[in-house]
Amino acid sequence: MIRKADIILAAVLIVVGLALSYAFFTGGETGQTVYITADGEEYAYYPLSEDRTVTIERSGHINKITIKDGQVSMTFSDCSGQDCLQQGKISQTSQSITCLPNRIVIEIRGDSSEYDAVVR
């Protein structure tokens, strides 16, 4: 038999779950700069506000990165898994795209400070 307390508990759990989901997906601020790292070294950085396509050719591999309408995405990669293409478009400081086989990392950073967080 379902009691009134069971219904209240279920409603509270649903509200808390929705609030945590919202906080998780909107946790980052809108970024200002796209940083690209290749083979563990900083390759280039570009403003997120300027549309462009960047082609990275390193170690016999090719990756194409598209910055458009304030978002960045990996639009081509010759890696085997293609997971980097499926990560979609990003624009928040808490987001990144990684192509592990080709060792390419795309990261969004904001203008507010050099660090997104400080841990003590």
Protein backbone atom coordinates (compact mmCIF):
# COMPACT_ATOMS: atom_id res chain seq x y z
CA MET A 1 0.00 0.00 0.00
CA ILE A 2 1.37 3.41 -0.94
CA ARG A 3 1.24 5.99 1.80
CA LYS A 4 1.24 9.76 1.67
CA ALA A 5 4.82 9.81 3.02
CA ASP A 6 5.96 7.57 0.12
CA ILE A 7 4.53 10.00 -2.42
CA ILE A 8 6.16 12.98 -0.69
CA LEU A 9 9.52 11.18 -0.56
CA ALA A 10 9.32 10.29 -4.26
CA ALA A 11 8.45 13.91 -5.17
CA VAL A 12 11.35 15.25 -3.10
CA LEU A 13 13.79 12.81 -4.72
CA ILE A 14 12.60 13.79 -8.19
CA VAL A 15 12.99 17.51 -7.44
CA VAL A 16 16.47 17.01 -6.00
CA GLY A 17 17.48 14.91 -9.01
CA LEU A 18 16.25 17.54 -11.45
CA ALA A 19 18.04 20.30 -9.54
CA LEU A 20 21.33 18.37 -9.55
CA SER A 21 20.97 17.63 -13.27
CA TYR A 22 20.37 21.30 -14.03
CA ALA A 23 23.39 22.33 -11.93
CA PHE A 24 25.58 19.74 -13.66
CA PHE A 25 24.65 20.72 -17.21
CA THR A 26 24.78 24.48 -16.65
CA GLY A 27 27.72 24.49 -14.24
CA GLY A 28 30.22 26.20 -16.54
CA GLU A 29 30.17 29.74 -17.77
CA THR A 30 30.17 30.54 -21.46
CA GLY A 31 33.76 30.36 -22.61
CA GLN A 32 35.76 32.97 -24.46
CA THR A 33 38.76 31.09 -25.85
CA VAL A 34 39.35 27.70 -27.50
CA TYR A 35 42.66 26.07 -26.49
CA ILE A 36 43.96 23.21 -28.61
CA THR A 37 46.59 20.83 -27.27
CA ALA A 38 48.40 18.34 -29.53
CA ASP A 39 50.71 15.64 -28.16
CA GLY A 40 50.55 17.26 -24.71
CA GLU A 41 51.81 20.65 -25.95
CA GLU A 42 49.78 23.80 -26.54
CA TYR A 43 49.13 23.92 -30.28
CA ALA A 44 47.02 27.06 -30.67
CA TYR A 45 44.24 29.15 -29.16
CA TYR A 46 41.46 31.08 -30.84
CA PRO A 47 38.61 33.33 -29.72
CA LEU A 48 35.30 31.50 -29.57
CA SER A 49 33.59 34.52 -31.12
CA GLU A 50 35.38 34.23 -34.51
CA ASP A 51 34.20 31.55 -36.95
CA ARG A 52 37.01 29.44 -38.46
CA THR A 53 38.11 25.94 -39.35
CA VAL A 54 41.45 24.65 -38.05
CA THR A 55 43.20 21.65 -39.61
CA ILE A 56 45.80 19.85 -37.50
CA GLU A 57 48.18 17.51 -39.29
CA ARG A 58 50.55 15.74 -36.89
CA SER A 59 52.27 12.36 -36.94
CA GLY A 60 50.43 11.34 -40.09
CA HIS A 61 46.97 12.05 -38.62
CA ILE A 62 44.45 14.75 -39.53
CA ASN A 63 41.87 16.48 -37.34
CA LYS A 64 39.57 19.33 -38.36
CA ILE A 65 38.10 21.62 -35.72
CA THR A 66 35.28 24.05 -36.50
CA ILE A 67 34.51 27.15 -34.46
CA LYS A 68 31.12 28.56 -35.43
CA ASP A 69 28.38 30.57 -33.72
CA GLY A 70 30.18 30.57 -30.36
CA GLN A 71 30.60 26.79 -30.31
CA VAL A 72 33.44 24.44 -31.22
CA SER A 73 33.33 20.88 -32.52
CA MET A 74 35.58 18.26 -34.04
CA THR A 75 34.27 17.89 -37.61
CA PHE A 76 36.78 15.39 -39.02
CA SER A 77 39.23 12.89 -37.60
CA ASP A 78 40.97 9.94 -39.17
CA CYS A 79 41.07 8.05 -35.86
CA SER A 80 39.51 4.60 -35.63
CA GLY A 81 36.90 5.13 -32.91
CA GLN A 82 35.39 8.47 -34.03
CA ASP A 83 34.35 9.19 -30.41
CA CYS A 84 35.66 12.76 -30.73
CA LEU A 85 33.16 13.47 -33.51
CA GLN A 86 30.28 12.17 -31.40
CA GLN A 87 31.05 14.52 -28.49
CA GLY A 88 29.18 17.28 -30.33
CA LYS A 89 29.52 21.04 -29.94
CA ILE A 90 30.81 22.68 -26.78
CA SER A 91 30.78 26.27 -25.52
CA GLN A 92 31.06 26.10 -21.71
CA THR A 93 34.25 26.33 -19.63
CA SER A 94 33.57 22.95 -18.04
CA GLN A 95 33.56 21.13 -21.40
CA SER A 96 36.25 19.59 -23.59
CA ILE A 97 36.64 17.33 -26.62
CA THR A 98 39.37 14.69 -26.69
CA CYS A 99 40.69 12.57 -29.55
CA LEU A 100 42.78 9.98 -27.71
CA PRO A 101 44.24 8.11 -30.72
CA ASN A 102 45.48 11.36 -32.31
CA ARG A 103 46.29 13.00 -28.95
CA ILE A 104 44.25 16.16 -29.57
CA VAL A 105 42.43 18.00 -26.76
CA ILE A 106 40.08 20.96 -27.27
CA GLU A 107 39.31 22.95 -24.14
CA ILE A 108 37.15 26.01 -23.52
CA ARG A 109 38.44 28.65 -21.12
CA GLY A 110 36.79 31.82 -19.89
CA ASP A 111 38.12 35.35 -19.50
CA SER A 112 37.30 35.76 -15.80
CA SER A 113 40.52 34.22 -14.50
CA GLU A 114 43.37 31.95 -15.45
CA TYR A 115 41.84 29.06 -13.45
CA ASP A 116 38.32 27.66 -13.45
CA ALA A 117 38.62 26.54 -9.81
CA VAL A 118 41.05 26.54 -6.92
CA VAL A 119 41.45 23.44 -4.78
CA ARG A 120 43.12 23.57 -1.38
